[in-house]
Each structure stands twice: as C-alpha cells, then as structure tokens.
Amino acid sequence: MSERELIDVEHRESTDEIAATLRAIADDLDGEELTVATDEDEVTVPGPESEAEFEIEVEAEDGDEHTKYELELELEWTTER
C-alpha cells in the first residue's frame, strides 16, 4: 500500500474563511464525494460511505506572555477501489 499526499496547505486566513471551509467539508460528508479547495489547490476524493474515524486534539502551549492553542481535526476512512 502506498500513500500519496493529495493536498497540503498551511497559511493564515480569517476565522470567517476558515469557518466557510469547514462548513463546505461538513456539507460534503453527506455526499458521494468530498472536495477540499483552497486558493491554490483543490482535490476531490470519494467520501466516506457511512462511517469514518474522527479525531479531535486540542493543545495549549504556555509562553512567557502568551498561550498558543492548536486544534487538529482528523478524518480517516476507506473506500473500495
């Protein structure tokens, strides 16, 4: 089994833009295909048929003057070829 990275984008966006991206992904979860689109890239893959592994991770890193938070959302599913 080989793994291919289909899209990998990291950049700053407004919280409104992030929310819109997450809503679009959430809406696609009910369909046959899931599309992830950014200004630079777009990828469409078969969506989960009925279930997916779902992981939520929240971390906090305390600095001298600020606390940095990180939220990771991960979905994993398989489809038949």
N, C-alpha and C. Protein backbone atom coordinates (compact mmCIF):
# COMPACT_ATOMS: atom_id res chain seq x y z
N MET A 1 0.85 -1.17 0.00
CA MET A 1 0.00 0.00 0.00
C MET A 1 0.90 1.24 0.00
N SER A 2 0.64 2.17 -0.89
CA SER A 2 1.43 3.39 -0.95
C SER A 2 0.56 4.58 -0.56
N GLU A 3 1.20 5.55 0.04
CA GLU A 3 0.50 6.76 0.49
C GLU A 3 0.90 7.92 -0.40
N ARG A 4 -0.10 8.71 -0.83
CA ARG A 4 0.16 9.88 -1.67
C ARG A 4 -0.45 11.10 -0.99
N GLU A 5 0.29 12.17 -0.91
CA GLU A 5 -0.26 13.41 -0.37
C GLU A 5 -0.96 14.15 -1.50
N LEU A 6 -2.25 14.38 -1.33
CA LEU A 6 -3.04 15.00 -2.39
C LEU A 6 -3.11 16.51 -2.25
N ILE A 7 -3.07 17.01 -1.03
CA ILE A 7 -3.09 18.46 -0.80
C ILE A 7 -2.49 18.71 0.58
N ASP A 8 -1.71 19.76 0.69
CA ASP A 8 -1.12 20.15 1.97
C ASP A 8 -0.91 21.65 1.93
N VAL A 9 -1.76 22.39 2.62
CA VAL A 9 -1.70 23.84 2.60
C VAL A 9 -1.75 24.35 4.04
N GLU A 10 -0.88 25.28 4.35
CA GLU A 10 -0.91 25.91 5.67
C GLU A 10 -0.65 27.40 5.47
N HIS A 11 -1.62 28.21 5.86
CA HIS A 11 -1.48 29.66 5.75
C HIS A 11 -2.50 30.33 6.66
N ARG A 12 -2.35 31.61 6.85
CA ARG A 12 -3.27 32.37 7.70
C ARG A 12 -4.51 32.75 6.89
N GLU A 13 -5.68 32.63 7.54
CA GLU A 13 -6.95 33.06 6.95
C GLU A 13 -7.78 33.67 8.06
N SER A 14 -8.77 34.42 7.68
CA SER A 14 -9.69 34.96 8.68
C SER A 14 -10.52 33.82 9.24
N THR A 15 -11.04 34.02 10.44
CA THR A 15 -11.89 32.97 11.03
C THR A 15 -13.15 32.75 10.20
N ASP A 16 -13.64 33.78 9.51
CA ASP A 16 -14.79 33.61 8.63
C ASP A 16 -14.46 32.67 7.47
N GLU A 17 -13.27 32.82 6.89
CA GLU A 17 -12.85 31.95 5.78
C GLU A 17 -12.64 30.51 6.26
N ILE A 18 -12.06 30.36 7.44
CA ILE A 18 -11.85 29.02 7.99
C ILE A 18 -13.19 28.35 8.24
N ALA A 19 -14.13 29.08 8.83
CA ALA A 19 -15.46 28.52 9.10
C ALA A 19 -16.15 28.10 7.80
N ALA A 20 -16.02 28.90 6.75
CA ALA A 20 -16.63 28.57 5.46
C ALA A 20 -16.03 27.29 4.88
N THR A 21 -14.72 27.13 5.00
CA THR A 21 -14.05 25.91 4.52
C THR A 21 -14.54 24.70 5.29
N LEU A 22 -14.61 24.81 6.61
CA LEU A 22 -15.08 23.69 7.43
C LEU A 22 -16.53 23.35 7.14
N ARG A 23 -17.38 24.36 6.90
CA ARG A 23 -18.78 24.11 6.55
C ARG A 23 -18.89 23.36 5.22
N ALA A 24 -18.09 23.77 4.25
CA ALA A 24 -18.12 23.12 2.93
C ALA A 24 -17.72 21.65 3.06
N ILE A 25 -16.68 21.37 3.85
CA ILE A 25 -16.26 19.99 4.06
C ILE A 25 -17.36 19.22 4.77
N ALA A 26 -17.95 19.80 5.81
CA ALA A 26 -19.02 19.13 6.56
C ALA A 26 -20.20 18.82 5.64
N ASP A 27 -20.57 19.76 4.77
CA ASP A 27 -21.69 19.53 3.84
C ASP A 27 -21.38 18.38 2.89
N ASP A 28 -20.13 18.26 2.45
CA ASP A 28 -19.74 17.19 1.52
C ASP A 28 -19.72 15.81 2.17
N LEU A 29 -19.61 15.74 3.49
CA LEU A 29 -19.54 14.43 4.17
C LEU A 29 -20.79 13.60 3.93
N ASP A 30 -21.92 14.23 3.65
CA ASP A 30 -23.16 13.51 3.38
C ASP A 30 -23.26 13.02 1.94
N GLY A 31 -22.34 13.45 1.08
CA GLY A 31 -22.43 13.10 -0.33
C GLY A 31 -21.48 11.99 -0.72
N GLU A 32 -21.44 11.73 -2.01
CA GLU A 32 -20.58 10.67 -2.55
C GLU A 32 -19.13 11.12 -2.68
N GLU A 33 -18.91 12.43 -2.81
CA GLU A 33 -17.56 12.96 -2.97
C GLU A 33 -17.30 14.06 -1.94
N LEU A 34 -16.04 14.20 -1.59
CA LEU A 34 -15.63 15.24 -0.65
C LEU A 34 -14.58 16.10 -1.35
N THR A 35 -14.84 17.39 -1.43
CA THR A 35 -13.91 18.31 -2.10
C THR A 35 -13.30 19.25 -1.07
N VAL A 36 -11.98 19.37 -1.14
CA VAL A 36 -11.26 20.32 -0.31
C VAL A 36 -10.62 21.32 -1.27
N ALA A 37 -10.97 22.59 -1.09
CA ALA A 37 -10.49 23.61 -2.01
C ALA A 37 -9.85 24.76 -1.24
N THR A 38 -8.74 25.24 -1.77
CA THR A 38 -8.09 26.44 -1.25
C THR A 38 -7.87 27.37 -2.43
N ASP A 39 -7.27 28.52 -2.17
CA ASP A 39 -6.96 29.43 -3.28
C ASP A 39 -5.97 28.81 -4.25
N GLU A 40 -5.09 27.93 -3.73
CA GLU A 40 -4.03 27.36 -4.56
C GLU A 40 -4.36 26.00 -5.14
N ASP A 41 -5.12 25.18 -4.41
CA ASP A 41 -5.33 23.79 -4.81
C ASP A 41 -6.77 23.36 -4.58
N GLU A 42 -7.12 22.25 -5.21
CA GLU A 42 -8.42 21.63 -4.99
C GLU A 42 -8.27 20.13 -5.23
N VAL A 43 -8.87 19.33 -4.36
CA VAL A 43 -8.84 17.88 -4.54
C VAL A 43 -10.22 17.34 -4.20
N THR A 44 -10.67 16.38 -4.99
CA THR A 44 -11.95 15.70 -4.75
C THR A 44 -11.66 14.22 -4.61
N VAL A 45 -12.17 13.63 -3.53
CA VAL A 45 -11.97 12.21 -3.25
C VAL A 45 -13.33 11.58 -2.94
N PRO A 46 -13.44 10.26 -3.05
CA PRO A 46 -14.68 9.60 -2.65
C PRO A 46 -14.93 9.86 -1.16
N GLY A 47 -16.16 10.17 -0.83
CA GLY A 47 -16.48 10.44 0.58
C GLY A 47 -16.68 9.16 1.35
N PRO A 48 -16.73 9.28 2.67
CA PRO A 48 -16.99 8.10 3.50
C PRO A 48 -18.40 7.56 3.21
N GLU A 49 -18.52 6.25 3.18
CA GLU A 49 -19.82 5.65 2.85
C GLU A 49 -20.82 5.80 3.99
N SER A 50 -20.42 5.50 5.22
CA SER A 50 -21.35 5.66 6.34
C SER A 50 -20.65 6.00 7.65
N GLU A 51 -19.36 5.66 7.76
CA GLU A 51 -18.62 5.93 8.98
C GLU A 51 -17.20 6.35 8.64
N ALA A 52 -16.59 7.07 9.60
CA ALA A 52 -15.19 7.47 9.47
C ALA A 52 -14.60 7.58 10.86
N GLU A 53 -13.31 7.37 10.95
CA GLU A 53 -12.61 7.63 12.21
C GLU A 53 -12.50 9.14 12.34
N PHE A 54 -12.78 9.66 13.53
CA PHE A 54 -12.78 11.11 13.75
C PHE A 54 -11.98 11.40 15.00
N GLU A 55 -10.95 12.23 14.87
CA GLU A 55 -10.09 12.57 15.99
C GLU A 55 -10.06 14.08 16.18
N ILE A 56 -10.21 14.51 17.41
CA ILE A 56 -10.09 15.93 17.77
C ILE A 56 -8.98 16.04 18.80
N GLU A 57 -8.07 16.96 18.58
CA GLU A 57 -6.98 17.18 19.52
C GLU A 57 -6.83 18.68 19.74
N VAL A 58 -6.81 19.09 21.00
CA VAL A 58 -6.60 20.49 21.36
C VAL A 58 -5.38 20.56 22.27
N GLU A 59 -4.44 21.43 21.93
CA GLU A 59 -3.23 21.59 22.73
C GLU A 59 -3.07 23.05 23.12
N ALA A 60 -2.43 23.28 24.26
CA ALA A 60 -2.10 24.63 24.71
C ALA A 60 -0.63 24.65 25.08
N GLU A 61 0.07 25.68 24.59
CA GLU A 61 1.49 25.85 24.90
C GLU A 61 1.67 27.22 25.55
N ASP A 62 2.04 27.22 26.82
CA ASP A 62 2.20 28.47 27.56
C ASP A 62 3.58 29.05 27.34
N GLY A 63 3.61 30.31 26.93
CA GLY A 63 4.85 31.05 26.78
C GLY A 63 4.97 32.05 27.90
N ASP A 64 5.96 32.94 27.81
CA ASP A 64 6.17 33.95 28.85
C ASP A 64 5.01 34.94 28.92
N GLU A 65 4.51 35.34 27.75
CA GLU A 65 3.47 36.38 27.71
C GLU A 65 2.16 35.91 27.09
N HIS A 66 2.19 34.81 26.34
CA HIS A 66 1.00 34.38 25.60
C HIS A 66 0.84 32.87 25.71
N THR A 67 -0.38 32.42 25.45
CA THR A 67 -0.65 30.99 25.32
C THR A 67 -1.03 30.72 23.88
N LYS A 68 -0.39 29.74 23.29
CA LYS A 68 -0.67 29.35 21.90
C LYS A 68 -1.55 28.09 21.94
N TYR A 69 -2.64 28.12 21.19
CA TYR A 69 -3.56 26.98 21.11
C TYR A 69 -3.49 26.35 19.73
N GLU A 70 -3.67 25.05 19.70
CA GLU A 70 -3.70 24.32 18.43
C GLU A 70 -4.86 23.34 18.46
N LEU A 71 -5.67 23.38 17.40
CA LEU A 71 -6.80 22.48 17.23
C LEU A 71 -6.54 21.66 15.98
N GLU A 72 -6.55 20.34 16.13
CA GLU A 72 -6.38 19.45 14.98
C GLU A 72 -7.63 18.60 14.83
N LEU A 73 -8.15 18.56 13.63
CA LEU A 73 -9.29 17.71 13.28
C LEU A 73 -8.80 16.71 12.24
N GLU A 74 -9.08 15.44 12.46
CA GLU A 74 -8.63 14.42 11.51
C GLU A 74 -9.76 13.45 11.23
N LEU A 75 -10.01 13.21 9.94
CA LEU A 75 -10.98 12.22 9.49
C LEU A 75 -10.22 11.16 8.71
N GLU A 76 -10.58 9.90 8.91
CA GLU A 76 -9.93 8.82 8.17
C GLU A 76 -10.98 7.79 7.80
N TRP A 77 -11.00 7.38 6.53
CA TRP A 77 -11.96 6.38 6.07
C TRP A 77 -11.36 5.61 4.92
N THR A 78 -11.97 4.49 4.62
CA THR A 78 -11.55 3.68 3.49
C THR A 78 -12.72 3.53 2.51
N THR A 79 -12.37 3.33 1.26
CA THR A 79 -13.38 3.06 0.23
C THR A 79 -12.88 1.89 -0.60
N GLU A 80 -13.80 1.24 -1.25
CA GLU A 80 -13.42 0.17 -2.17
C GLU A 80 -12.93 0.78 -3.45
N ARG A 81 -12.00 0.10 -4.09
CA ARG A 81 -11.46 0.60 -5.36
C ARG A 81 -12.40 0.35 -6.50
